Structures are given as C-alpha cells and as structure tokens.
Amino acid sequence: MAKGYDVIIVGAGAAGLTAGIYAGRYGLRVAIFDKLTAGGQLALTPLIENYPGYKAIPGPELATLMKEHAIAAGVELFELEEVLDIHQQGDFFNVTTSENEFTARAIILTVGSTPKKLQIPGEAEFTGRGVSYCALCDAPFFKKKRVMVVGGGNTAVVSAKYLSDIGSQVSLIHRKGTTRGEETIKKELIAQNVGFYWNSIVKEIKGENKVKSVIIDTQGRLQEVPIDGIFIHIGEIPTNGLAKQLGLALDSDGFIVVNDKCETSMKGIFAAGDITGGILQVSTAVGKGTIAAVNVYLYLKGGDWYGDQKVKEWSD
C-alpha cells in the first residue's frame, strides 16, 4: 500500500525546504522529493550577500542549514528520487517516483528552473571544456586564467565577483549598457579591475580541445577575444514537465501561474519558487515557499482558500 502524506513537495531548493519547514511545524505529514541532492540553485551559488541575517554566506552552507532545519521540523527528505508522475484520484494525488508510489492530500511544486543557453556555435561542443553555467562548480579550474561572464543579472555579477576573488582575470559581457545586478557588487567589480563589454553579444565560442577564444559583436563590430573559459548566466528556463502533464496554467514563458496564495489552476496543487517566475532570488523563493505552506495548511484544515469562500474559524 502506498505511503500517504498530507503534502508532498517536489523540489528541495530554497522554496521547497522552506515550505517543508513551515508545513512540518504545522504538524502536517510532509515529504520532499528531489531528483538531485537538496539545495537546488542555492547549493550552486558561491556567495550570498543579500539574504537577511547574513552579511555573507556560501550558498552550500545556507542550503545545508535549511536542509537540517527541514529534517528537524519532521520532514521526510528523499534525495536522488525523481517524481515521474502525479495524477489526481478523488481527494488524493497519486505520486509515482523513480523508486516507489505515494499518496498526498496536497502538492507543492518547487521544481525550479535550468540555465538558459546562448544557442551559438561552439557552446554545446565545449560545455565542460571551458563552457560553464556554474561558477561555484567550475571556478577553481580557472584560477589566474582569463574568463568571460555572460549576462547582466545578479547571478552574472556575483559569479564575476567570485571569479575575480579567486584570482581569475575576468571580463563581463552584456547586451545592454549596464547590468541589473546590485550596485554594491558592481562597484566591487570595478574596484577589482573586472573588464566590461557593454552593448555586446557573444556570437561564437572557438577552440580546439578546449575554449581558446570568443567572437563578440559590439554594435556591428566583430572582434575575437582570447579566453580560457566562459560562464553563461543569461536567465532560466522553467522545469515545467510535471506542470504540463497536469495541465496547469502556464504563462507565455512557461512558468506556472499562481495567485497570491501560491495556488495553481488545479485545486490542491500549489507552486512556489523559481518555477513561478518573477524575481529569482533566495529571499523571494523563501517567501513564496512560506506562503505556499501556510495556504496548504489552511486548505487541508478548511480555512481561507479559493477566494469566494468565507474565512472559517480554525485552530490546531
């Protein structure tokens, strides 16, 4: 017989772990599944300097603290176990993973997103041989070497700072005339002699056995720039396979549409974190995870949910 939970959370990133902490503290039976290890993008972030309470903390360390907190709250965590199918049967959801079958009264999808590709010549060919999407994973291979960071958001500028901190010779390229990253980090990049290519795009990645150079286009002017590695941070693609399978409403970019209670278009299914789009930051993921868990609790206990119903008195 399939093991049953009050809520199953799919994805063990910042949003999923936070939702698990809150749901567990509310006394709900909670399981979190992740096809990888807990932490999500958080575990791949070199340094976080904008999370309240920490002036600076390595992403993996914060991920570990969240994981330990969730387990202490009573969450059952299933790492390296992928959720393959979810389908509704009456008032329950049947959940099939790569290892077993489970049931739940509610679902929270916190499946996150994956790095967007440039889709240019040489990118696929040299992935793992100079092309990277994770500074924390690969930066140690590029100490005192020439690297280029592509992108203008916070992830790009944080990665550029981290690479500079470990001694790499860093340039940042962005298709616009300035970045969208935090001003304090941008000032630090300038102080650390990070180079900038504004209003520019990467057209091709060249090399032999590994990356040797890139062709960049600056408003119609092409030039070849020698580099040893390139870190690409140009946005995220939502991991929406389960959402499509369930027939959930998605926006034009493929992110799950939720209301202010993190409810999706299907009763009993909630979503939080990067899979819902918007500002992709640890703090927003934590906030959305909290909102989802609180409203799952109210949903299961017959409280305020689905708009036109009156708020019922509840206590537990």
Foldseek 3Di string as FASTA:
>chain_A
DAAEWAEEEEAQALLRLLLLLLLLLVVTAYEYEYLADHHPVLLLQQWDCPDPPDNIDGSVVVRVVSNVSSVVSPYHYHHNKHWDAWDDDPQKIWIDIPPGIHIHNFYEYAHAWAADDPPAAPQVVADVQFEAAGLSVPLVVAAQFEEEEEAAEQSRLSSQLVSLVRHHQYEYEYLAAHGHHDPVSVVVCVVSVHHYHHNKDWHYFDDDSHTFWTWMARPNDIDIGGGRHYHYHHDTQAPCPRVVVHVWDADPRGAFDADPLQDIPDPRYGYAANSNPDDHDSVRSSVRSNSPSVVSVCSVQVADDDPPDDGDDDDD
